[in-house]
Amino acid sequence: MGRKGYVMDVALLQQSFAEVKPQQEAFAEAFYRRLFALYPQTIPLFATTNMKRQQSLLMATLELVVAGVARGDNVIPSVEQLGRRHAIYGVKAEHYPMVGQALLETFKQFLQDKWTAQVEATWAQAYVMITDLMRRAGERHLIAINTPEENSRV
């Protein structure tokens, strides 16, 4: 069960991801092109990033989440770890909706007539659920690493 009583259509998530997977390199390239075109302020976050590797990581992460959810795996620890890493990289709460918009628009581009209101709602719901976990884990991590331990205070 998703948030607010919404039941996520896991099969639809799998099916739509399977449609773009054969074109994963082109999909990832298109996603980052779109992200940077829509939100040039995100470009500095990737200044020292090997973009080919980043594109592979994007697709691997999407696959991990889609396959994990489909199998009923607990993907929360992996997603929270991803959130902690992204917080260290400088990703802030306001970046998540930007990435979400670029991701949904890229799915729409690649799925074409298979992009329906139901597919959009399913991916939007999945993205919000995942990024809520990531954002909260990242915020907790930054607080933890920036808060002196009780016994180190003088």
C-alpha atoms as a PDB file:
ATOM      1  CA  MET A   1       0.000   0.000   0.000  1.00  0.00           C
ATOM      2  CA  GLY A   2       1.382   3.373  -0.961  1.00  0.00           C
ATOM      3  CA  ARG A   3       0.904   6.667   0.746  1.00  0.00           C
ATOM      4  CA  LYS A   4      -2.565   8.092   1.319  1.00  0.00           C
ATOM      5  CA  GLY A   5      -4.211   4.747   0.590  1.00  0.00           C
ATOM      6  CA  TYR A   6      -2.913   4.528  -2.963  1.00  0.00           C
ATOM      7  CA  VAL A   7      -2.059   1.006  -4.058  1.00  0.00           C
ATOM      8  CA  MET A   8       0.894   1.177  -6.401  1.00  0.00           C
ATOM      9  CA  ASP A   9       0.550  -0.830  -9.596  1.00  0.00           C
ATOM     10  CA  VAL A  10       3.822  -2.729  -9.345  1.00  0.00           C
ATOM     11  CA  ALA A  11       3.153  -4.666 -12.552  1.00  0.00           C
ATOM     12  CA  LEU A  12       2.727  -1.396 -14.432  1.00  0.00           C
ATOM     13  CA  LEU A  13       5.962  -0.095 -12.948  1.00  0.00           C
ATOM     14  CA  GLN A  14       7.761  -3.251 -14.118  1.00  0.00           C
ATOM     15  CA  GLN A  15       6.159  -3.238 -17.542  1.00  0.00           C
ATOM     16  CA  SER A  16       6.935   0.404 -18.271  1.00  0.00           C
ATOM     17  CA  PHE A  17      10.518   0.053 -17.035  1.00  0.00           C
ATOM     18  CA  ALA A  18      10.957  -3.053 -19.206  1.00  0.00           C
ATOM     19  CA  GLU A  19       9.953  -0.919 -22.203  1.00  0.00           C
ATOM     20  CA  VAL A  20      12.795   1.567 -21.672  1.00  0.00           C
ATOM     21  CA  LYS A  21      15.436  -0.890 -20.451  1.00  0.00           C
ATOM     22  CA  PRO A  22      16.588  -1.932 -23.960  1.00  0.00           C
ATOM     23  CA  GLN A  23      17.302   1.766 -24.590  1.00  0.00           C
ATOM     24  CA  GLN A  24      18.809   2.424 -21.172  1.00  0.00           C
ATOM     25  CA  GLU A  25      21.864   4.338 -22.401  1.00  0.00           C
ATOM     26  CA  ALA A  26      19.774   6.646 -24.561  1.00  0.00           C
ATOM     27  CA  PHE A  27      17.214   6.981 -21.757  1.00  0.00           C
ATOM     28  CA  ALA A  28      19.837   7.993 -19.191  1.00  0.00           C
ATOM     29  CA  GLU A  29      21.488  10.454 -21.598  1.00  0.00           C
ATOM     30  CA  ALA A  30      18.095  11.991 -22.413  1.00  0.00           C
ATOM     31  CA  PHE A  31      17.240  12.237 -18.718  1.00  0.00           C
ATOM     32  CA  TYR A  32      20.379  14.208 -17.843  1.00  0.00           C
ATOM     33  CA  ARG A  33      20.053  16.417 -20.935  1.00  0.00           C
ATOM     34  CA  ARG A  34      16.490  17.212 -19.898  1.00  0.00           C
ATOM     35  CA  LEU A  35      17.429  17.783 -16.244  1.00  0.00           C
ATOM     36  CA  PHE A  36      20.212  20.201 -17.181  1.00  0.00           C
ATOM     37  CA  ALA A  37      18.039  22.007 -19.754  1.00  0.00           C
ATOM     38  CA  LEU A  38      15.129  22.438 -17.335  1.00  0.00           C
ATOM     39  CA  TYR A  39      17.240  23.138 -14.263  1.00  0.00           C
ATOM     40  CA  PRO A  40      20.733  24.397 -15.126  1.00  0.00           C
ATOM     41  CA  GLN A  41      21.281  25.020 -11.409  1.00  0.00           C
ATOM     42  CA  THR A  42      21.709  21.238 -11.038  1.00  0.00           C
ATOM     43  CA  ILE A  43      24.750  21.150 -13.339  1.00  0.00           C
ATOM     44  CA  PRO A  44      27.261  22.033 -10.574  1.00  0.00           C
ATOM     45  CA  LEU A  45      26.143  18.951  -8.619  1.00  0.00           C
ATOM     46  CA  PHE A  46      27.726  16.891 -11.404  1.00  0.00           C
ATOM     47  CA  ALA A  47      30.836  19.021 -12.010  1.00  0.00           C
ATOM     48  CA  THR A  48      33.286  16.259 -11.094  1.00  0.00           C
ATOM     49  CA  THR A  49      31.065  13.350 -12.085  1.00  0.00           C
ATOM     50  CA  ASN A  50      31.864  10.760 -14.725  1.00  0.00           C
ATOM     51  CA  MET A  51      28.551  11.091 -16.561  1.00  0.00           C
ATOM     52  CA  LYS A  52      28.738   7.706 -18.316  1.00  0.00           C
ATOM     53  CA  ARG A  53      29.117   6.060 -14.925  1.00  0.00           C
ATOM     54  CA  GLN A  54      26.367   8.268 -13.482  1.00  0.00           C
ATOM     55  CA  GLN A  55      24.017   7.257 -16.285  1.00  0.00           C
ATOM     56  CA  SER A  56      24.719   3.585 -15.559  1.00  0.00           C
ATOM     57  CA  LEU A  57      24.100   4.185 -11.851  1.00  0.00           C
ATOM     58  CA  LEU A  58      20.769   5.860 -12.603  1.00  0.00           C
ATOM     59  CA  MET A  59      19.548   2.868 -14.563  1.00  0.00           C
ATOM     60  CA  ALA A  60      20.920   0.379 -12.024  1.00  0.00           C
ATOM     61  CA  THR A  61      19.123   2.224  -9.232  1.00  0.00           C
ATOM     62  CA  LEU A  62      15.835   2.284 -11.129  1.00  0.00           C
ATOM     63  CA  GLU A  63      16.214  -1.420 -11.842  1.00  0.00           C
ATOM     64  CA  LEU A  64      17.055  -2.203  -8.208  1.00  0.00           C
ATOM     65  CA  VAL A  65      13.972  -0.397  -6.958  1.00  0.00           C
ATOM     66  CA  VAL A  66      11.563  -1.730  -9.598  1.00  0.00           C
ATOM     67  CA  ALA A  67      12.791  -5.328  -9.302  1.00  0.00           C
ATOM     68  CA  GLY A  68      13.006  -5.133  -5.518  1.00  0.00           C
ATOM     69  CA  VAL A  69       9.481  -3.803  -5.121  1.00  0.00           C
ATOM     70  CA  ALA A  70       8.186  -6.413  -7.568  1.00  0.00           C
ATOM     71  CA  ARG A  71       9.799  -9.213  -5.533  1.00  0.00           C
ATOM     72  CA  GLY A  72       8.501  -7.740  -2.301  1.00  0.00           C
ATOM     73  CA  ASP A  73      12.023  -6.976  -1.088  1.00  0.00           C
ATOM     74  CA  ASN A  74      12.590  -4.364   1.554  1.00  0.00           C
ATOM     75  CA  VAL A  75      14.311  -1.693  -0.552  1.00  0.00           C
ATOM     76  CA  ILE A  76      14.142   0.900   2.235  1.00  0.00           C
ATOM     77  CA  PRO A  77      17.727   0.372   3.517  1.00  0.00           C
ATOM     78  CA  SER A  78      19.154   0.732  -0.006  1.00  0.00           C
ATOM     79  CA  VAL A  79      17.050   3.804  -0.712  1.00  0.00           C
ATOM     80  CA  GLU A  80      18.027   5.398   2.604  1.00  0.00           C
ATOM     81  CA  GLN A  81      21.715   4.741   1.903  1.00  0.00           C
ATOM     82  CA  LEU A  82      21.250   6.405  -1.479  1.00  0.00           C
ATOM     83  CA  GLY A  83      19.701   9.390   0.299  1.00  0.00           C
ATOM     84  CA  ARG A  84      22.627   9.660   2.702  1.00  0.00           C
ATOM     85  CA  ARG A  85      25.115   9.612  -0.187  1.00  0.00           C
ATOM     86  CA  HIS A  86      23.142  12.218  -2.122  1.00  0.00           C
ATOM     87  CA  ALA A  87      23.042  14.512   0.917  1.00  0.00           C
ATOM     88  CA  ILE A  88      26.843  14.329   1.118  1.00  0.00           C
ATOM     89  CA  TYR A  89      27.010  15.176  -2.612  1.00  0.00           C
ATOM     90  CA  GLY A  90      25.062  18.368  -1.896  1.00  0.00           C
ATOM     91  CA  VAL A  91      21.596  17.309  -3.055  1.00  0.00           C
ATOM     92  CA  LYS A  92      18.956  19.370  -1.256  1.00  0.00           C
ATOM     93  CA  ALA A  93      15.216  18.860  -0.784  1.00  0.00           C
ATOM     94  CA  GLU A  94      14.425  21.297  -3.597  1.00  0.00           C
ATOM     95  CA  HIS A  95      16.386  19.196  -6.107  1.00  0.00           C
ATOM     96  CA  TYR A  96      14.137  16.142  -5.800  1.00  0.00           C
ATOM     97  CA  PRO A  97      11.094  17.644  -7.599  1.00  0.00           C
ATOM     98  CA  MET A  98      13.403  18.863 -10.380  1.00  0.00           C
ATOM     99  CA  VAL A  99      14.771  15.376 -10.912  1.00  0.00           C
ATOM    100  CA  GLY A 100      11.253  13.953 -10.700  1.00  0.00           C
ATOM    101  CA  GLN A 101       9.979  16.221 -13.446  1.00  0.00           C
ATOM    102  CA  ALA A 102      12.904  15.357 -15.713  1.00  0.00           C
ATOM    103  CA  LEU A 103      12.467  11.645 -15.007  1.00  0.00           C
ATOM    104  CA  LEU A 104       8.736  11.616 -15.749  1.00  0.00           C
ATOM    105  CA  GLU A 105       9.220  13.657 -18.918  1.00  0.00           C
ATOM    106  CA  THR A 106      11.932  11.257 -20.065  1.00  0.00           C
ATOM    107  CA  PHE A 107       9.668   8.260 -19.458  1.00  0.00           C
ATOM    108  CA  LYS A 108       6.947  10.038 -21.425  1.00  0.00           C
ATOM    109  CA  GLN A 109       9.365  10.639 -24.310  1.00  0.00           C
ATOM    110  CA  PHE A 110      10.497   7.009 -24.429  1.00  0.00           C
ATOM    111  CA  LEU A 111       7.153   5.317 -23.773  1.00  0.00           C
ATOM    112  CA  GLN A 112       5.283   7.538 -26.251  1.00  0.00           C
ATOM    113  CA  ASP A 113       1.744   6.134 -26.686  1.00  0.00           C
ATOM    114  CA  LYS A 114       2.303   3.703 -23.799  1.00  0.00           C
ATOM    115  CA  TRP A 115       2.608   6.706 -21.454  1.00  0.00           C
ATOM    116  CA  THR A 116      -0.865   6.851 -19.961  1.00  0.00           C
ATOM    117  CA  ALA A 117      -2.322   8.737 -17.021  1.00  0.00           C
ATOM    118  CA  GLN A 118      -2.075   5.509 -15.001  1.00  0.00           C
ATOM    119  CA  VAL A 119       1.606   4.996 -15.899  1.00  0.00           C
ATOM    120  CA  GLU A 120       2.330   8.619 -15.015  1.00  0.00           C
ATOM    121  CA  ALA A 121       0.512   8.338 -11.681  1.00  0.00           C
ATOM    122  CA  THR A 122       2.320   5.095 -10.853  1.00  0.00           C
ATOM    123  CA  TRP A 123       5.779   6.510 -11.577  1.00  0.00           C
ATOM    124  CA  ALA A 124       4.969   9.785  -9.822  1.00  0.00           C
ATOM    125  CA  GLN A 125       3.813   7.877  -6.731  1.00  0.00           C
ATOM    126  CA  ALA A 126       6.873   5.615  -6.762  1.00  0.00           C
ATOM    127  CA  TYR A 127       9.177   8.600  -7.180  1.00  0.00           C
ATOM    128  CA  VAL A 128       7.603  10.519  -4.297  1.00  0.00           C
ATOM    129  CA  MET A 129       7.756   7.502  -2.000  1.00  0.00           C
ATOM    130  CA  ILE A 130      11.407   6.795  -2.863  1.00  0.00           C
ATOM    131  CA  THR A 131      12.584  10.381  -2.665  1.00  0.00           C
ATOM    132  CA  ASP A 132      10.740  11.010   0.610  1.00  0.00           C
ATOM    133  CA  LEU A 133      12.786   8.178   2.111  1.00  0.00           C
ATOM    134  CA  MET A 134      15.981   9.469   0.505  1.00  0.00           C
ATOM    135  CA  ARG A 135      15.424  13.050   1.601  1.00  0.00           C
ATOM    136  CA  ARG A 136      14.607  12.156   5.206  1.00  0.00           C
ATOM    137  CA  ALA A 137      17.588   9.788   5.461  1.00  0.00           C
ATOM    138  CA  GLY A 138      19.862  12.446   3.982  1.00  0.00           C
ATOM    139  CA  GLU A 139      18.620  15.113   6.379  1.00  0.00           C
ATOM    140  CA  ARG A 140      19.084  12.803   9.390  1.00  0.00           C
ATOM    141  CA  HIS A 141      22.586  11.910   8.192  1.00  0.00           C
ATOM    142  CA  LEU A 142      23.645  15.543   7.805  1.00  0.00           C
ATOM    143  CA  ILE A 143      22.333  16.341  11.281  1.00  0.00           C
ATOM    144  CA  ALA A 144      24.170  13.339  12.722  1.00  0.00           C
ATOM    145  CA  ILE A 145      27.514  14.179  11.157  1.00  0.00           C
ATOM    146  CA  ASN A 146      27.230  17.857  12.058  1.00  0.00           C
ATOM    147  CA  THR A 147      26.152  17.355  15.676  1.00  0.00           C
ATOM    148  CA  PRO A 148      28.955  16.945  18.202  1.00  0.00           C
ATOM    149  CA  GLU A 149      28.617  13.928  20.443  1.00  0.00           C
ATOM    150  CA  GLU A 150      27.384  14.603  23.975  1.00  0.00           C
ATOM    151  CA  ASN A 151      30.610  13.440  25.622  1.00  0.00           C
ATOM    152  CA  SER A 152      32.825  15.571  23.381  1.00  0.00           C
ATOM    153  CA  ARG A 153      31.344  18.808  24.722  1.00  0.00           C
ATOM    154  CA  VAL A 154      33.397  20.788  27.205  1.00  0.00           C
END
